[in-house]
Amino acid sequence: MVKKLFADGSPCKKCAEVEHKMQQAGQLERIDQIVIADEADTASAGMLLATQHDVDRAPFFIVEQDSGAVEIYTVYFKFVKEVLNAQTSEDDELQEIMNDNPDLDFI
């Protein structure tokens, strides 16, 4: 899991919310590593991973398969559903997508 720290030192609100949800659901124990993308340090591990995988939002999840394939998840509920095999609600998934993409609108 890669979470962001803003250049002013403040933590990413969405990252904290996702981490809290994962903690409540007992999912954090299934995360191998949490890495910080520090906007004030472009050489921080998380910033390097974001650049390497062309990701511009946080948090995001890097999943390495046994085959060596790597998948990137930028939507928490999709990650939970596809990787952790946990139940999610469609409303929660849609809300996260809408929050991440304010330029989208319901039809």
C-alpha atoms as a PDB file:
ATOM      1  CA  MET A   1       0.000   0.000   0.000  1.00  0.00           C
ATOM      2  CA  VAL A   2       1.297   3.437  -0.891  1.00  0.00           C
ATOM      3  CA  LYS A   3      -0.110   6.393   0.993  1.00  0.00           C
ATOM      4  CA  LYS A   4       0.703  10.075   0.598  1.00  0.00           C
ATOM      5  CA  LEU A   5       2.147  12.736   2.814  1.00  0.00           C
ATOM      6  CA  PHE A   6       1.592  16.262   1.455  1.00  0.00           C
ATOM      7  CA  ALA A   7       4.499  18.671   0.977  1.00  0.00           C
ATOM      8  CA  ASP A   8       3.402  20.626   4.074  1.00  0.00           C
ATOM      9  CA  GLY A   9       3.732  17.440   6.160  1.00  0.00           C
ATOM     10  CA  SER A  10       0.012  16.775   6.512  1.00  0.00           C
ATOM     11  CA  PRO A  11      -1.291  13.268   5.838  1.00  0.00           C
ATOM     12  CA  CYS A  12      -3.620  12.476   2.948  1.00  0.00           C
ATOM     13  CA  LYS A  13      -7.184  12.388   4.297  1.00  0.00           C
ATOM     14  CA  LYS A  14      -8.348   9.661   1.919  1.00  0.00           C
ATOM     15  CA  CYS A  15      -5.302   7.533   2.763  1.00  0.00           C
ATOM     16  CA  ALA A  16      -6.140   7.786   6.456  1.00  0.00           C
ATOM     17  CA  GLU A  17      -9.787   6.894   5.771  1.00  0.00           C
ATOM     18  CA  VAL A  18      -8.818   3.841   3.723  1.00  0.00           C
ATOM     19  CA  GLU A  19      -6.274   2.728   6.318  1.00  0.00           C
ATOM     20  CA  HIS A  20      -8.922   3.099   9.046  1.00  0.00           C
ATOM     21  CA  LYS A  21     -11.451   1.029   7.026  1.00  0.00           C
ATOM     22  CA  MET A  22      -8.831  -1.646   6.476  1.00  0.00           C
ATOM     23  CA  GLN A  23      -7.939  -1.698  10.154  1.00  0.00           C
ATOM     24  CA  GLN A  24     -11.601  -2.049  11.173  1.00  0.00           C
ATOM     25  CA  ALA A  25     -12.101  -4.873   8.662  1.00  0.00           C
ATOM     26  CA  GLY A  26      -8.937  -6.704   9.742  1.00  0.00           C
ATOM     27  CA  GLN A  27      -7.412  -6.217   6.286  1.00  0.00           C
ATOM     28  CA  LEU A  28      -4.209  -4.403   7.262  1.00  0.00           C
ATOM     29  CA  GLU A  29      -2.665  -7.672   8.384  1.00  0.00           C
ATOM     30  CA  ARG A  30      -2.849  -8.823   4.757  1.00  0.00           C
ATOM     31  CA  ILE A  31      -0.776  -5.860   3.566  1.00  0.00           C
ATOM     32  CA  ASP A  32       2.926  -6.739   3.304  1.00  0.00           C
ATOM     33  CA  GLN A  33       4.208  -3.187   3.387  1.00  0.00           C
ATOM     34  CA  ILE A  34       2.988   0.395   3.719  1.00  0.00           C
ATOM     35  CA  VAL A  35       5.115   2.929   1.874  1.00  0.00           C
ATOM     36  CA  ILE A  36       4.922   6.712   2.117  1.00  0.00           C
ATOM     37  CA  ALA A  37       4.857   8.927  -0.969  1.00  0.00           C
ATOM     38  CA  ASP A  38       6.234  12.159   0.485  1.00  0.00           C
ATOM     39  CA  GLU A  39       5.510  15.094  -1.834  1.00  0.00           C
ATOM     40  CA  ALA A  40       8.372  17.011  -0.213  1.00  0.00           C
ATOM     41  CA  ASP A  41      10.812  14.247  -1.172  1.00  0.00           C
ATOM     42  CA  THR A  42      10.591  13.106  -4.790  1.00  0.00           C
ATOM     43  CA  ALA A  43      13.107  10.371  -3.941  1.00  0.00           C
ATOM     44  CA  SER A  44      10.859   8.855  -1.239  1.00  0.00           C
ATOM     45  CA  ALA A  45       9.988   5.214  -1.850  1.00  0.00           C
ATOM     46  CA  GLY A  46       6.316   5.960  -2.475  1.00  0.00           C
ATOM     47  CA  MET A  47       7.019   8.770  -4.948  1.00  0.00           C
ATOM     48  CA  LEU A  48       9.404   6.512  -6.865  1.00  0.00           C
ATOM     49  CA  LEU A  49       6.766   3.756  -6.988  1.00  0.00           C
ATOM     50  CA  ALA A  50       4.117   6.249  -8.154  1.00  0.00           C
ATOM     51  CA  THR A  51       6.417   7.398 -10.958  1.00  0.00           C
ATOM     52  CA  GLN A  52       7.419   3.852 -11.878  1.00  0.00           C
ATOM     53  CA  HIS A  53       3.783   2.736 -12.158  1.00  0.00           C
ATOM     54  CA  ASP A  54       2.460   6.056 -13.532  1.00  0.00           C
ATOM     55  CA  VAL A  55       0.031   6.578 -10.641  1.00  0.00           C
ATOM     56  CA  ASP A  56      -1.147  10.062  -9.691  1.00  0.00           C
ATOM     57  CA  ARG A  57      -3.506   9.328  -6.797  1.00  0.00           C
ATOM     58  CA  ALA A  58      -3.230   7.882  -3.342  1.00  0.00           C
ATOM     59  CA  PRO A  59      -3.635   5.538  -1.763  1.00  0.00           C
ATOM     60  CA  PHE A  60      -2.811   2.863  -4.252  1.00  0.00           C
ATOM     61  CA  PHE A  61      -2.005  -0.805  -3.964  1.00  0.00           C
ATOM     62  CA  ILE A  62       0.690  -2.780  -5.754  1.00  0.00           C
ATOM     63  CA  VAL A  63      -0.044  -6.480  -6.043  1.00  0.00           C
ATOM     64  CA  GLU A  64       2.760  -8.786  -7.125  1.00  0.00           C
ATOM     65  CA  GLN A  65       1.535 -12.143  -8.416  1.00  0.00           C
ATOM     66  CA  ASP A  66       3.523 -15.374  -7.995  1.00  0.00           C
ATOM     67  CA  SER A  67       4.044 -15.296 -11.771  1.00  0.00           C
ATOM     68  CA  GLY A  68       5.882 -11.976 -11.412  1.00  0.00           C
ATOM     69  CA  ALA A  69       3.037  -9.942 -12.913  1.00  0.00           C
ATOM     70  CA  VAL A  70       2.252  -6.667 -11.146  1.00  0.00           C
ATOM     71  CA  GLU A  71      -1.196  -5.128 -10.844  1.00  0.00           C
ATOM     72  CA  ILE A  72      -1.934  -1.619  -9.605  1.00  0.00           C
ATOM     73  CA  TYR A  73      -5.177  -0.748  -7.830  1.00  0.00           C
ATOM     74  CA  THR A  74      -6.139   2.891  -7.308  1.00  0.00           C
ATOM     75  CA  VAL A  75      -9.688   2.113  -6.173  1.00  0.00           C
ATOM     76  CA  TYR A  76      -9.820   0.682  -2.651  1.00  0.00           C
ATOM     77  CA  PHE A  77     -13.110  -1.187  -3.088  1.00  0.00           C
ATOM     78  CA  LYS A  78     -11.922  -2.823  -6.304  1.00  0.00           C
ATOM     79  CA  PHE A  79      -8.753  -3.922  -4.502  1.00  0.00           C
ATOM     80  CA  VAL A  80     -10.784  -5.324  -1.605  1.00  0.00           C
ATOM     81  CA  LYS A  81     -13.130  -7.181  -3.922  1.00  0.00           C
ATOM     82  CA  GLU A  82     -10.573  -8.589  -6.380  1.00  0.00           C
ATOM     83  CA  VAL A  83      -7.533  -9.160  -4.174  1.00  0.00           C
ATOM     84  CA  LEU A  84      -8.797  -9.604  -0.632  1.00  0.00           C
ATOM     85  CA  ASN A  85     -11.957 -11.385  -1.819  1.00  0.00           C
ATOM     86  CA  ALA A  86     -14.123  -9.378   0.553  1.00  0.00           C
ATOM     87  CA  GLN A  87     -17.663  -8.143   0.044  1.00  0.00           C
ATOM     88  CA  THR A  88     -18.181  -4.543  -0.976  1.00  0.00           C
ATOM     89  CA  SER A  89     -21.310  -2.617  -1.706  1.00  0.00           C
ATOM     90  CA  GLU A  90     -21.961  -1.123  -5.113  1.00  0.00           C
ATOM     91  CA  ASP A  91     -22.905   2.175  -3.437  1.00  0.00           C
ATOM     92  CA  ASP A  92     -19.519   2.352  -1.693  1.00  0.00           C
ATOM     93  CA  GLU A  93     -17.686   1.574  -4.943  1.00  0.00           C
ATOM     94  CA  LEU A  94     -19.616   4.215  -6.882  1.00  0.00           C
ATOM     95  CA  GLN A  95     -19.100   6.813  -4.146  1.00  0.00           C
ATOM     96  CA  GLU A  96     -15.352   6.244  -4.190  1.00  0.00           C
ATOM     97  CA  ILE A  97     -15.234   6.555  -7.976  1.00  0.00           C
ATOM     98  CA  MET A  98     -17.267   9.781  -7.846  1.00  0.00           C
ATOM     99  CA  ASN A  99     -15.067  11.217  -5.078  1.00  0.00           C
ATOM    100  CA  ASP A 100     -11.925  10.402  -7.072  1.00  0.00           C
ATOM    101  CA  ASN A 101     -13.321  11.875 -10.278  1.00  0.00           C
ATOM    102  CA  PRO A 102     -15.196  15.113  -9.549  1.00  0.00           C
ATOM    103  CA  ASP A 103     -15.444  15.785 -13.275  1.00  0.00           C
ATOM    104  CA  LEU A 104     -17.816  12.817 -13.636  1.00  0.00           C
ATOM    105  CA  ASP A 105     -21.548  13.242 -13.249  1.00  0.00           C
ATOM    106  CA  PHE A 106     -24.442  10.847 -12.855  1.00  0.00           C
ATOM    107  CA  ILE A 107     -26.616  10.268 -15.892  1.00  0.00           C
END
